[in-house]
Amino acid sequence: MTGLPIQPVPGGESSGDPSEDAFSFGPDNTPYDALGGNEGVQRLVETFYDMMDCDDRFAGIRSLHKPDLSDATGKLYEFLSGWLGGPQLYVEKYGHPKLRGRHMPFPIGENERDLWMMCMTDAMNACEVEGEIRSFLDARFAHVANFMRNQEE
């Protein structure tokens, strides 16, 4: 994944994931574009939080959020936009993401990781995210979700 204006892992840490080189994304073909640009990112994020809010399976991670999900929705949209190679909306507004540090106040263990991944997987299915961008997102989201864990189990 060389040449993209995105970090391999939010927070600046190196991923160490050799599968990153298996994707054809680059400056002229970003994951942001492959997902459908602004509209695709927005649709994925809105679907993700709608599912989290309405599906009892995700109560464990829903409870970690404020009652009003609009702030979380906006921040994830802004973050994913830049992380996928689109406009750096989050960085322009808040600075470096420091994802792990920003998530430290919330207990994130294997269960929370798995619920987050299940919710994102369901959202990608609902948005019909397929092909190379799906493989890329499956791998990257799984890596980052695991990296966010801060609870021993």
Protein backbone atom coordinates (compact mmCIF):
# COMPACT_ATOMS: atom_id res chain seq x y z
CA MET A 1 0.00 0.00 0.00
CA THR A 2 2.63 2.52 -0.91
CA GLY A 3 1.76 5.92 -2.29
CA LEU A 4 -1.65 6.29 -0.67
CA PRO A 5 -2.36 9.33 1.48
CA ILE A 6 -3.59 7.01 4.23
CA GLN A 7 -1.85 5.43 7.17
CA PRO A 8 -1.71 1.64 7.19
CA VAL A 9 -3.07 1.62 10.74
CA PRO A 10 -4.83 4.57 12.35
CA GLY A 11 -2.78 5.99 15.15
CA GLY A 12 0.50 5.85 13.27
CA GLU A 13 1.61 2.38 14.29
CA SER A 14 2.91 0.09 11.58
CA SER A 15 0.57 -2.76 10.76
CA GLY A 16 3.17 -5.36 9.89
CA ASP A 17 0.54 -6.87 7.60
CA PRO A 18 2.23 -8.21 4.44
CA SER A 19 -1.16 -8.67 2.74
CA GLU A 20 -1.37 -4.90 2.22
CA ASP A 21 0.80 -5.24 -0.89
CA ALA A 22 -1.69 -7.65 -2.47
CA PHE A 23 -4.16 -4.86 -3.32
CA SER A 24 -4.01 -2.71 -6.45
CA PHE A 25 -4.90 0.55 -4.73
CA GLY A 26 -2.73 3.58 -5.33
CA PRO A 27 -2.92 7.36 -5.81
CA ASP A 28 -5.14 7.05 -8.90
CA ASN A 29 -7.26 4.21 -7.50
CA THR A 30 -7.90 4.72 -3.79
CA PRO A 31 -10.07 2.60 -1.52
CA TYR A 32 -12.15 5.79 -1.07
CA ASP A 33 -12.90 5.82 -4.80
CA ALA A 34 -13.53 2.07 -4.90
CA LEU A 35 -16.08 2.38 -2.09
CA GLY A 36 -17.95 5.07 -4.05
CA GLY A 37 -16.33 8.24 -2.78
CA ASN A 38 -18.18 10.54 -0.42
CA GLU A 39 -21.55 8.88 -0.99
CA GLY A 40 -20.20 5.36 -0.47
CA VAL A 41 -18.39 6.24 2.75
CA GLN A 42 -21.42 8.12 4.08
CA ARG A 43 -23.76 5.23 3.22
CA LEU A 44 -21.50 2.68 4.93
CA VAL A 45 -21.14 4.75 8.11
CA GLU A 46 -24.86 5.54 8.34
CA THR A 47 -25.75 1.88 7.77
CA PHE A 48 -23.23 0.80 10.40
CA TYR A 49 -24.63 3.11 13.08
CA ASP A 50 -28.26 2.42 12.10
CA MET A 51 -27.60 -1.29 12.58
CA MET A 52 -25.80 -0.70 15.87
CA ASP A 53 -28.71 1.40 17.10
CA CYS A 54 -31.53 -0.93 16.01
CA ASP A 55 -30.16 -4.46 16.32
CA ASP A 56 -30.12 -5.92 19.83
CA ARG A 57 -27.13 -8.09 18.91
CA PHE A 58 -25.01 -4.94 19.11
CA ALA A 59 -26.27 -3.69 22.49
CA GLY A 60 -22.85 -4.36 24.01
CA ILE A 61 -21.13 -1.81 21.79
CA ARG A 62 -24.14 0.49 21.46
CA SER A 63 -23.99 1.05 25.23
CA LEU A 64 -20.46 2.48 24.87
CA HIS A 65 -21.86 5.39 22.82
CA LYS A 66 -23.89 8.47 23.69
CA PRO A 67 -27.66 8.19 23.19
CA ASP A 68 -27.38 10.47 20.14
CA LEU A 69 -25.12 8.80 17.57
CA SER A 70 -24.77 11.83 15.31
CA ASP A 71 -21.35 12.83 16.71
CA ALA A 72 -19.98 9.28 16.39
CA THR A 73 -21.43 9.00 12.89
CA GLY A 74 -19.83 12.25 11.81
CA LYS A 75 -16.44 11.39 13.26
CA LEU A 76 -16.33 7.90 11.73
CA TYR A 77 -17.34 9.35 8.35
CA GLU A 78 -14.64 12.04 8.58
CA PHE A 79 -12.04 9.53 9.70
CA LEU A 80 -12.83 6.88 7.08
CA SER A 81 -12.86 9.51 4.34
CA GLY A 82 -9.19 10.29 4.93
CA TRP A 83 -8.11 6.80 6.00
CA LEU A 84 -9.40 5.43 2.70
CA GLY A 85 -7.52 8.02 0.64
CA GLY A 86 -10.19 10.70 0.27
CA PRO A 87 -10.36 14.16 1.83
CA GLN A 88 -8.59 14.33 5.21
CA LEU A 89 -11.68 15.68 6.97
CA TYR A 90 -10.92 14.27 10.41
CA VAL A 91 -7.30 15.41 10.45
CA GLU A 92 -8.26 18.91 9.28
CA LYS A 93 -10.83 19.21 12.05
CA TYR A 94 -9.29 17.32 15.00
CA GLY A 95 -5.64 16.64 14.13
CA HIS A 96 -3.98 13.24 14.25
CA PRO A 97 -6.55 10.48 14.92
CA LYS A 98 -4.64 8.75 17.76
CA LEU A 99 -7.31 6.07 17.57
CA ARG A 100 -6.05 3.80 20.30
CA GLY A 101 -5.68 6.65 22.77
CA ARG A 102 -9.09 8.06 21.95
CA HIS A 103 -10.65 4.65 22.60
CA MET A 104 -8.83 3.96 25.89
CA PRO A 105 -11.69 5.30 28.07
CA PHE A 106 -13.91 2.52 26.70
CA PRO A 107 -13.45 -1.12 27.69
CA ILE A 108 -12.71 -2.94 24.46
CA GLY A 109 -12.10 -6.65 24.70
CA GLU A 110 -12.60 -9.58 22.36
CA ASN A 111 -16.40 -9.37 22.66
CA GLU A 112 -16.51 -5.66 21.76
CA ARG A 113 -14.07 -6.24 18.91
CA ASP A 114 -16.18 -9.09 17.57
CA LEU A 115 -19.43 -7.13 17.90
CA TRP A 116 -17.91 -4.14 16.09
CA MET A 117 -16.68 -6.40 13.30
CA MET A 118 -20.05 -8.17 13.05
CA CYS A 119 -21.85 -4.84 12.80
CA MET A 120 -19.42 -3.53 10.16
CA THR A 121 -19.65 -6.79 8.23
CA ASP A 122 -23.44 -6.56 8.24
CA ALA A 123 -23.22 -2.92 7.12
CA MET A 124 -20.86 -3.82 4.25
CA ASN A 125 -23.21 -6.63 3.23
CA ALA A 126 -26.20 -4.28 3.28
CA CYS A 127 -24.26 -1.74 1.18
CA GLU A 128 -23.20 -4.51 -1.22
CA VAL A 129 -19.49 -3.80 -0.75
CA GLU A 130 -17.82 -6.48 -2.88
CA GLY A 131 -14.66 -7.42 -4.72
CA GLU A 132 -11.24 -6.02 -4.00
CA ILE A 133 -12.52 -3.18 -1.82
CA ARG A 134 -14.39 -5.72 0.34
CA SER A 135 -11.29 -7.87 0.75
CA PHE A 136 -9.28 -4.77 1.63
CA LEU A 137 -11.83 -3.51 4.15
CA ASP A 138 -12.33 -6.94 5.73
CA ALA A 139 -8.58 -7.22 6.35
CA ARG A 140 -8.00 -3.63 7.48
CA PHE A 141 -11.07 -3.38 9.73
CA ALA A 142 -10.20 -6.70 11.38
CA HIS A 143 -6.64 -5.55 12.00
CA VAL A 144 -7.67 -2.18 13.43
CA ALA A 145 -10.52 -3.64 15.51
CA ASN A 146 -8.08 -6.06 17.11
CA PHE A 147 -5.56 -3.27 17.69
CA MET A 148 -8.19 -1.24 19.59
CA ARG A 149 -8.49 -3.92 22.29
CA ASN A 150 -7.47 -2.61 25.70
CA GLN A 151 -8.83 -5.35 27.99
CA GLU A 152 -7.07 -8.57 28.96
CA GLU A 153 -9.15 -11.72 28.57
